[in-house]
């Protein structure tokens, strides 16, 4: 049986960046994660996220995990 790669998690990274007038490149530098990895997350193609990355994102964006991730 093939694995189901779909998920119902919506990532609101683009909205949070726009609200804070911050670029993906600036965020990547602040949290020491590649732009490519953040882009994968932003576009909803990530299959997982480390708690350390989630914590760094929340610190840099001054938000809570629920502001970044939403279950559809």
Protein backbone atom coordinates (compact mmCIF):
# COMPACT_ATOMS: atom_id res chain seq x y z
CA UNK A 1 0.00 0.00 0.00
CA UNK A 2 1.52 3.40 -0.97
CA UNK A 3 2.20 5.87 1.82
CA UNK A 4 -0.09 8.89 2.03
CA UNK A 5 2.16 11.94 1.80
CA UNK A 6 -0.65 14.44 2.33
CA UNK A 7 -1.23 16.19 5.61
CA UNK A 8 -3.62 18.76 6.99
CA UNK A 9 -1.11 21.15 8.53
CA UNK A 10 -1.19 24.67 7.11
CA UNK A 11 1.98 26.73 7.58
CA UNK A 12 1.41 30.48 7.98
CA UNK A 13 5.05 31.50 7.55
CA UNK A 14 4.35 33.73 4.55
CA UNK A 15 1.67 35.67 6.40
CA UNK A 16 3.84 36.12 9.49
CA UNK A 17 6.77 37.33 7.38
CA UNK A 18 4.54 39.84 5.59
CA UNK A 19 3.07 41.10 8.87
CA UNK A 20 6.58 41.67 10.20
CA UNK A 21 7.94 43.11 6.95
CA UNK A 22 10.67 40.46 6.96
CA UNK A 23 12.10 38.45 4.07
CA UNK A 24 12.71 34.73 4.04
CA UNK A 25 16.42 35.48 3.60
CA UNK A 26 16.49 37.71 6.68
CA UNK A 27 14.69 35.08 8.73
CA UNK A 28 17.07 32.37 7.52
CA UNK A 29 20.04 34.42 8.68
CA UNK A 30 18.45 35.14 12.06
CA UNK A 31 17.77 31.50 12.87
CA UNK A 32 20.68 29.90 10.97
CA UNK A 33 18.53 27.76 8.67
CA UNK A 34 18.92 27.68 4.90
CA UNK A 35 16.55 29.67 2.72
CA UNK A 36 15.79 26.44 0.84
CA UNK A 37 14.65 24.68 4.03
CA UNK A 38 12.50 27.65 5.03
CA UNK A 39 11.04 27.80 1.55
CA UNK A 40 10.05 24.12 1.78
CA UNK A 41 8.35 24.87 5.08
CA UNK A 42 6.68 28.06 3.80
CA UNK A 43 5.28 26.28 0.75
CA UNK A 44 3.80 23.45 2.81
CA UNK A 45 6.13 20.77 1.44
CA UNK A 46 7.90 19.97 4.72
CA UNK A 47 7.19 16.56 6.19
CA UNK A 48 8.53 17.43 9.64
CA UNK A 49 9.93 20.28 11.71
CA UNK A 50 12.31 20.03 14.63
CA UNK A 51 11.26 21.58 17.91
CA UNK A 52 14.52 23.55 17.91
CA UNK A 53 13.63 25.06 14.52
CA UNK A 54 10.06 25.77 15.63
CA UNK A 55 11.38 27.46 18.77
CA UNK A 56 13.84 29.56 16.74
CA UNK A 57 11.07 30.58 14.32
CA UNK A 58 8.77 31.59 17.17
CA UNK A 59 11.56 33.58 18.84
CA UNK A 60 12.50 35.39 15.62
CA UNK A 61 8.89 36.07 14.62
CA UNK A 62 7.69 36.81 18.17
CA UNK A 63 4.86 34.33 17.85
CA UNK A 64 3.48 31.12 19.29
CA UNK A 65 3.58 27.75 17.48
CA UNK A 66 -0.17 28.04 16.87
CA UNK A 67 0.42 31.30 14.98
CA UNK A 68 2.74 29.44 12.63
CA UNK A 69 0.95 26.11 12.25
CA UNK A 70 -2.75 25.38 11.84
CA UNK A 71 -4.60 22.08 11.46
CA UNK A 72 -7.03 22.14 8.53
